[in-house]
């Protein structure tokens, strides 16, 4: 029987949001320094200056916590793309440029990237809500980056999903050393060109 989804406690008040921010910052710093294994819940709690029980109310497991860090990082990337608009007009080139920015960030902090992607890889049904949130945010980021007119979004959603899958898969392979950065870039650029292809008619 698959694990049941576990709900994290929402941060509703300003004090709760500040506490959650400290937890995310602590987990991010530990992951950036030592990767997935360095993120231990007790150490996160001590670094964030919260009780261990409080940490578990916000994040039921290390996987839930690192998926929240991933959401936070994706949100930062989306904000950066909105603050510094891409110069290209072609959607495929815009997407490739956006993901190149993401790869530059991962190169600066490969251990953080490794920790987040391992959490995504290891997540089971108990973290279904968090995985879904990551997928939705990634899709929103890619749609923003593509600059596709709203009238064309629905026709290209399948291509956007393929790009999302390719991005995650190539990032995992690059971090594990099974492909080079150049190969990762080529694979991502190849997937991005799907947006330039006419969408297939519905069956």
C-alpha atoms as a PDB file:
ATOM      1  CA  UNK A   1       0.000   0.000   0.000  1.00  0.00           C
ATOM      2  CA  UNK A   2       1.556   3.348  -1.008  1.00  0.00           C
ATOM      3  CA  UNK A   3       2.283   5.916   1.706  1.00  0.00           C
ATOM      4  CA  UNK A   4      -0.431   8.439   2.342  1.00  0.00           C
ATOM      5  CA  UNK A   5       0.259  12.112   1.592  1.00  0.00           C
ATOM      6  CA  UNK A   6       1.479  13.966   4.669  1.00  0.00           C
ATOM      7  CA  UNK A   7       0.394  17.575   5.031  1.00  0.00           C
ATOM      8  CA  UNK A   8       2.833  20.197   6.285  1.00  0.00           C
ATOM      9  CA  UNK A   9       1.542  22.901   8.598  1.00  0.00           C
ATOM     10  CA  UNK A  10       0.912  26.138   6.694  1.00  0.00           C
ATOM     11  CA  UNK A  11       2.629  29.358   7.799  1.00  0.00           C
ATOM     12  CA  UNK A  12      -0.249  31.796   8.261  1.00  0.00           C
ATOM     13  CA  UNK A  13       1.036  34.525  10.564  1.00  0.00           C
ATOM     14  CA  UNK A  14       4.015  36.825  10.044  1.00  0.00           C
ATOM     15  CA  UNK A  15       5.833  35.083  12.881  1.00  0.00           C
ATOM     16  CA  UNK A  16       5.186  31.662  11.343  1.00  0.00           C
ATOM     17  CA  UNK A  17       6.343  32.877   7.931  1.00  0.00           C
ATOM     18  CA  UNK A  18       9.544  34.246   9.480  1.00  0.00           C
ATOM     19  CA  UNK A  19      10.134  30.905  11.246  1.00  0.00           C
ATOM     20  CA  UNK A  20       9.556  29.016   8.001  1.00  0.00           C
ATOM     21  CA  UNK A  21      11.976  31.353   6.226  1.00  0.00           C
ATOM     22  CA  UNK A  22      14.680  30.619   8.804  1.00  0.00           C
ATOM     23  CA  UNK A  23      14.132  26.890   8.344  1.00  0.00           C
ATOM     24  CA  UNK A  24      14.420  27.137   4.561  1.00  0.00           C
ATOM     25  CA  UNK A  25      17.536  29.315   4.828  1.00  0.00           C
ATOM     26  CA  UNK A  26      19.144  26.862   7.254  1.00  0.00           C
ATOM     27  CA  UNK A  27      18.386  23.848   5.034  1.00  0.00           C
ATOM     28  CA  UNK A  28      19.638  25.707   1.967  1.00  0.00           C
ATOM     29  CA  UNK A  29      22.926  26.622   3.651  1.00  0.00           C
ATOM     30  CA  UNK A  30      23.503  23.076   4.900  1.00  0.00           C
ATOM     31  CA  UNK A  31      22.712  21.589   1.475  1.00  0.00           C
ATOM     32  CA  UNK A  32      24.968  24.093  -0.308  1.00  0.00           C
ATOM     33  CA  UNK A  33      27.819  23.148   1.996  1.00  0.00           C
ATOM     34  CA  UNK A  34      27.450  19.391   2.171  1.00  0.00           C
ATOM     35  CA  UNK A  35      24.735  18.173  -0.198  1.00  0.00           C
ATOM     36  CA  UNK A  36      21.849  15.832   0.552  1.00  0.00           C
ATOM     37  CA  UNK A  37      23.493  13.953   3.422  1.00  0.00           C
ATOM     38  CA  UNK A  38      24.372  17.191   5.242  1.00  0.00           C
ATOM     39  CA  UNK A  39      20.714  18.129   5.675  1.00  0.00           C
ATOM     40  CA  UNK A  40      19.889  16.505   9.002  1.00  0.00           C
ATOM     41  CA  UNK A  41      16.645  17.579  10.650  1.00  0.00           C
ATOM     42  CA  UNK A  42      18.164  18.111  14.108  1.00  0.00           C
ATOM     43  CA  UNK A  43      20.920  20.300  12.683  1.00  0.00           C
ATOM     44  CA  UNK A  44      18.420  22.247  10.593  1.00  0.00           C
ATOM     45  CA  UNK A  45      16.350  22.897  13.724  1.00  0.00           C
ATOM     46  CA  UNK A  46      19.406  24.045  15.686  1.00  0.00           C
ATOM     47  CA  UNK A  47      20.608  26.303  12.870  1.00  0.00           C
ATOM     48  CA  UNK A  48      17.149  27.811  12.399  1.00  0.00           C
ATOM     49  CA  UNK A  49      16.694  28.135  16.196  1.00  0.00           C
ATOM     50  CA  UNK A  50      13.437  26.229  16.303  1.00  0.00           C
ATOM     51  CA  UNK A  51      12.398  23.179  18.298  1.00  0.00           C
ATOM     52  CA  UNK A  52      12.754  19.867  16.486  1.00  0.00           C
ATOM     53  CA  UNK A  53       9.035  19.179  16.962  1.00  0.00           C
ATOM     54  CA  UNK A  54       8.231  22.542  15.385  1.00  0.00           C
ATOM     55  CA  UNK A  55      10.399  21.707  12.386  1.00  0.00           C
ATOM     56  CA  UNK A  56       8.517  18.436  11.883  1.00  0.00           C
ATOM     57  CA  UNK A  57       5.181  20.262  12.025  1.00  0.00           C
ATOM     58  CA  UNK A  58       6.313  22.470   9.145  1.00  0.00           C
ATOM     59  CA  UNK A  59       8.086  19.704   7.235  1.00  0.00           C
ATOM     60  CA  UNK A  60       7.215  16.065   8.060  1.00  0.00           C
ATOM     61  CA  UNK A  61      10.472  14.736   6.586  1.00  0.00           C
ATOM     62  CA  UNK A  62      13.774  15.741   5.064  1.00  0.00           C
ATOM     63  CA  UNK A  63      12.309  15.070   1.610  1.00  0.00           C
ATOM     64  CA  UNK A  64       9.418  17.477   2.268  1.00  0.00           C
ATOM     65  CA  UNK A  65      11.907  20.072   3.490  1.00  0.00           C
ATOM     66  CA  UNK A  66      14.202  19.819   0.476  1.00  0.00           C
ATOM     67  CA  UNK A  67      11.256  19.920  -1.910  1.00  0.00           C
ATOM     68  CA  UNK A  68      10.251  23.186  -0.223  1.00  0.00           C
ATOM     69  CA  UNK A  69      13.800  24.446  -0.777  1.00  0.00           C
ATOM     70  CA  UNK A  70      13.463  23.473  -4.438  1.00  0.00           C
ATOM     71  CA  UNK A  71      10.195  25.414  -4.696  1.00  0.00           C
ATOM     72  CA  UNK A  72      11.918  28.396  -3.095  1.00  0.00           C
ATOM     73  CA  UNK A  73      14.810  28.251  -5.569  1.00  0.00           C
ATOM     74  CA  UNK A  74      12.452  27.922  -8.539  1.00  0.00           C
ATOM     75  CA  UNK A  75      10.531  30.938  -7.294  1.00  0.00           C
ATOM     76  CA  UNK A  76      13.754  32.941  -7.119  1.00  0.00           C
ATOM     77  CA  UNK A  77      14.639  31.938 -10.671  1.00  0.00           C
ATOM     78  CA  UNK A  78      11.174  32.942 -11.885  1.00  0.00           C
ATOM     79  CA  UNK A  79      11.534  36.322 -10.161  1.00  0.00           C
ATOM     80  CA  UNK A  80      14.954  36.838 -11.757  1.00  0.00           C
ATOM     81  CA  UNK A  81      13.560  36.078 -15.201  1.00  0.00           C
ATOM     82  CA  UNK A  82      10.764  38.582 -14.644  1.00  0.00           C
ATOM     83  CA  UNK A  83      13.173  41.258 -13.403  1.00  0.00           C
ATOM     84  CA  UNK A  84      15.650  40.646 -16.237  1.00  0.00           C
ATOM     85  CA  UNK A  85      13.531  39.805 -19.294  1.00  0.00           C
ATOM     86  CA  UNK A  86      15.041  37.574 -21.950  1.00  0.00           C
ATOM     87  CA  UNK A  87      16.061  39.383 -25.154  1.00  0.00           C
ATOM     88  CA  UNK A  88      15.164  36.632 -27.644  1.00  0.00           C
ATOM     89  CA  UNK A  89      11.855  36.669 -29.502  1.00  0.00           C
ATOM     90  CA  UNK A  90      11.825  32.979 -30.500  1.00  0.00           C
ATOM     91  CA  UNK A  91      10.209  30.838 -27.734  1.00  0.00           C
ATOM     92  CA  UNK A  92      12.695  27.976 -28.147  1.00  0.00           C
ATOM     93  CA  UNK A  93      15.682  30.322 -27.814  1.00  0.00           C
ATOM     94  CA  UNK A  94      14.093  32.047 -24.843  1.00  0.00           C
ATOM     95  CA  UNK A  95      13.598  28.712 -23.087  1.00  0.00           C
ATOM     96  CA  UNK A  96      17.156  27.581 -23.805  1.00  0.00           C
ATOM     97  CA  UNK A  97      18.478  30.908 -22.471  1.00  0.00           C
ATOM     98  CA  UNK A  98      16.375  30.621 -19.301  1.00  0.00           C
ATOM     99  CA  UNK A  99      17.589  27.094 -18.595  1.00  0.00           C
ATOM    100  CA  UNK A 100      21.167  28.143 -19.290  1.00  0.00           C
ATOM    101  CA  UNK A 101      20.728  30.680 -16.472  1.00  0.00           C
ATOM    102  CA  UNK A 102      19.489  27.862 -14.270  1.00  0.00           C
ATOM    103  CA  UNK A 103      22.501  25.698 -15.118  1.00  0.00           C
ATOM    104  CA  UNK A 104      24.832  28.585 -14.233  1.00  0.00           C
ATOM    105  CA  UNK A 105      23.195  28.752 -10.813  1.00  0.00           C
ATOM    106  CA  UNK A 106      23.582  24.982 -10.370  1.00  0.00           C
ATOM    107  CA  UNK A 107      27.263  25.215 -11.319  1.00  0.00           C
ATOM    108  CA  UNK A 108      27.784  27.798  -8.573  1.00  0.00           C
ATOM    109  CA  UNK A 109      26.150  25.556  -5.962  1.00  0.00           C
ATOM    110  CA  UNK A 110      26.250  21.964  -7.236  1.00  0.00           C
ATOM    111  CA  UNK A 111      25.737  20.406  -3.798  1.00  0.00           C
ATOM    112  CA  UNK A 112      22.535  22.361  -3.278  1.00  0.00           C
ATOM    113  CA  UNK A 113      21.327  21.308  -6.724  1.00  0.00           C
ATOM    114  CA  UNK A 114      22.206  17.689  -5.965  1.00  0.00           C
ATOM    115  CA  UNK A 115      20.306  17.761  -2.664  1.00  0.00           C
ATOM    116  CA  UNK A 116      17.162  19.212  -4.220  1.00  0.00           C
ATOM    117  CA  UNK A 117      17.144  16.856  -7.187  1.00  0.00           C
ATOM    118  CA  UNK A 118      17.769  13.792  -5.013  1.00  0.00           C
ATOM    119  CA  UNK A 119      14.782  14.807  -2.899  1.00  0.00           C
ATOM    120  CA  UNK A 120      12.673  15.035  -6.051  1.00  0.00           C
ATOM    121  CA  UNK A 121      13.985  11.649  -7.187  1.00  0.00           C
ATOM    122  CA  UNK A 122      13.366   9.938  -3.827  1.00  0.00           C
ATOM    123  CA  UNK A 123       9.953  11.466  -3.096  1.00  0.00           C
ATOM    124  CA  UNK A 124       7.150   8.939  -2.646  1.00  0.00           C
ATOM    125  CA  UNK A 125       3.385   9.311  -2.421  1.00  0.00           C
ATOM    126  CA  UNK A 126       3.649  10.940   1.021  1.00  0.00           C
ATOM    127  CA  UNK A 127       5.125  14.006  -0.691  1.00  0.00           C
ATOM    128  CA  UNK A 128       2.664  13.998  -3.597  1.00  0.00           C
ATOM    129  CA  UNK A 129       1.460  17.525  -2.811  1.00  0.00           C
ATOM    130  CA  UNK A 130       5.003  18.938  -2.751  1.00  0.00           C
ATOM    131  CA  UNK A 131       6.024  17.150  -5.963  1.00  0.00           C
ATOM    132  CA  UNK A 132       2.910  18.488  -7.653  1.00  0.00           C
ATOM    133  CA  UNK A 133       3.752  22.008  -6.486  1.00  0.00           C
ATOM    134  CA  UNK A 134       7.280  21.689  -7.921  1.00  0.00           C
ATOM    135  CA  UNK A 135       5.874  20.483 -11.255  1.00  0.00           C
ATOM    136  CA  UNK A 136       3.360  23.324 -11.436  1.00  0.00           C
ATOM    137  CA  UNK A 137       5.931  25.967 -10.533  1.00  0.00           C
ATOM    138  CA  UNK A 138       8.417  24.604 -13.067  1.00  0.00           C
ATOM    139  CA  UNK A 139       5.731  24.633 -15.758  1.00  0.00           C
ATOM    140  CA  UNK A 140       4.786  28.224 -14.876  1.00  0.00           C
ATOM    141  CA  UNK A 141       8.453  29.239 -15.008  1.00  0.00           C
ATOM    142  CA  UNK A 142       8.911  27.642 -18.430  1.00  0.00           C
ATOM    143  CA  UNK A 143       5.737  29.220 -19.798  1.00  0.00           C
ATOM    144  CA  UNK A 144       6.864  32.625 -18.514  1.00  0.00           C
ATOM    145  CA  UNK A 145      10.264  32.111 -20.116  1.00  0.00           C
ATOM    146  CA  UNK A 146       8.820  31.009 -23.447  1.00  0.00           C
ATOM    147  CA  UNK A 147       6.836  34.188 -23.941  1.00  0.00           C
ATOM    148  CA  UNK A 148       4.149  32.199 -25.740  1.00  0.00           C
ATOM    149  CA  UNK A 149       0.925  34.122 -26.269  1.00  0.00           C
ATOM    150  CA  UNK A 150      -1.882  32.881 -24.067  1.00  0.00           C
ATOM    151  CA  UNK A 151      -3.772  31.622 -27.107  1.00  0.00           C
ATOM    152  CA  UNK A 152      -0.933  29.152 -27.879  1.00  0.00           C
ATOM    153  CA  UNK A 153      -0.195  27.874 -24.375  1.00  0.00           C
ATOM    154  CA  UNK A 154      -2.634  24.943 -24.383  1.00  0.00           C
ATOM    155  CA  UNK A 155      -1.297  23.646 -27.696  1.00  0.00           C
ATOM    156  CA  UNK A 156       2.265  23.583 -26.371  1.00  0.00           C
ATOM    157  CA  UNK A 157       1.723  22.195 -22.866  1.00  0.00           C
ATOM    158  CA  UNK A 158       2.922  18.717 -23.866  1.00  0.00           C
ATOM    159  CA  UNK A 159       6.156  20.193 -25.238  1.00  0.00           C
ATOM    160  CA  UNK A 160       6.593  22.197 -22.020  1.00  0.00           C
ATOM    161  CA  UNK A 161       6.194  18.990 -19.986  1.00  0.00           C
ATOM    162  CA  UNK A 162       8.837  17.248 -22.119  1.00  0.00           C
ATOM    163  CA  UNK A 163      11.192  20.197 -21.571  1.00  0.00           C
ATOM    164  CA  UNK A 164      10.527  20.012 -17.832  1.00  0.00           C
ATOM    165  CA  UNK A 165      11.271  16.275 -17.755  1.00  0.00           C
ATOM    166  CA  UNK A 166      14.402  16.752 -19.857  1.00  0.00           C
ATOM    167  CA  UNK A 167      15.671  19.558 -17.646  1.00  0.00           C
ATOM    168  CA  UNK A 168      15.270  17.488 -14.480  1.00  0.00           C
ATOM    169  CA  UNK A 169      16.741  14.331 -16.042  1.00  0.00           C
ATOM    170  CA  UNK A 170      19.774  16.024 -17.584  1.00  0.00           C
ATOM    171  CA  UNK A 171      20.442  17.912 -14.365  1.00  0.00           C
ATOM    172  CA  UNK A 172      20.449  14.644 -12.408  1.00  0.00           C
ATOM    173  CA  UNK A 173      22.739  13.003 -14.953  1.00  0.00           C
ATOM    174  CA  UNK A 174      25.134  15.955 -15.001  1.00  0.00           C
ATOM    175  CA  UNK A 175      25.278  16.102 -11.206  1.00  0.00           C
ATOM    176  CA  UNK A 176      26.012  12.361 -11.065  1.00  0.00           C
ATOM    177  CA  UNK A 177      28.765  12.745 -13.670  1.00  0.00           C
ATOM    178  CA  UNK A 178      27.183  10.480 -16.294  1.00  0.00           C
ATOM    179  CA  UNK A 179      26.982  13.269 -18.906  1.00  0.00           C
ATOM    180  CA  UNK A 180      29.010  16.416 -19.479  1.00  0.00           C
ATOM    181  CA  UNK A 181      27.694  19.937 -19.097  1.00  0.00           C
ATOM    182  CA  UNK A 182      27.919  20.344 -22.871  1.00  0.00           C
ATOM    183  CA  UNK A 183      25.786  17.228 -23.382  1.00  0.00           C
ATOM    184  CA  UNK A 184      23.256  18.460 -20.827  1.00  0.00           C
ATOM    185  CA  UNK A 185      22.988  21.800 -22.624  1.00  0.00           C
ATOM    186  CA  UNK A 186      22.582  20.088 -25.998  1.00  0.00           C
ATOM    187  CA  UNK A 187      19.825  17.818 -24.698  1.00  0.00           C
ATOM    188  CA  UNK A 188      17.957  20.730 -23.131  1.00  0.00           C
ATOM    189  CA  UNK A 189      18.292  22.854 -26.286  1.00  0.00           C
ATOM    190  CA  UNK A 190      16.983  19.936 -28.363  1.00  0.00           C
ATOM    191  CA  UNK A 191      13.930  19.641 -26.108  1.00  0.00           C
ATOM    192  CA  UNK A 192      13.362  23.404 -26.205  1.00  0.00           C
ATOM    193  CA  UNK A 193      13.073  23.281 -29.986  1.00  0.00           C
ATOM    194  CA  UNK A 194       9.852  21.282 -29.559  1.00  0.00           C
ATOM    195  CA  UNK A 195       8.121  24.572 -28.818  1.00  0.00           C
ATOM    196  CA  UNK A 196       9.000  25.736 -32.314  1.00  0.00           C
ATOM    197  CA  UNK A 197       7.340  22.711 -33.886  1.00  0.00           C
ATOM    198  CA  UNK A 198       3.685  22.869 -34.923  1.00  0.00           C
ATOM    199  CA  UNK A 199       1.627  21.044 -32.273  1.00  0.00           C
ATOM    200  CA  UNK A 200       0.161  17.719 -33.295  1.00  0.00           C
ATOM    201  CA  UNK A 201      -3.591  17.719 -33.960  1.00  0.00           C
ATOM    202  CA  UNK A 202      -5.693  16.075 -31.218  1.00  0.00           C
ATOM    203  CA  UNK A 203      -6.468  12.385 -31.736  1.00  0.00           C
END
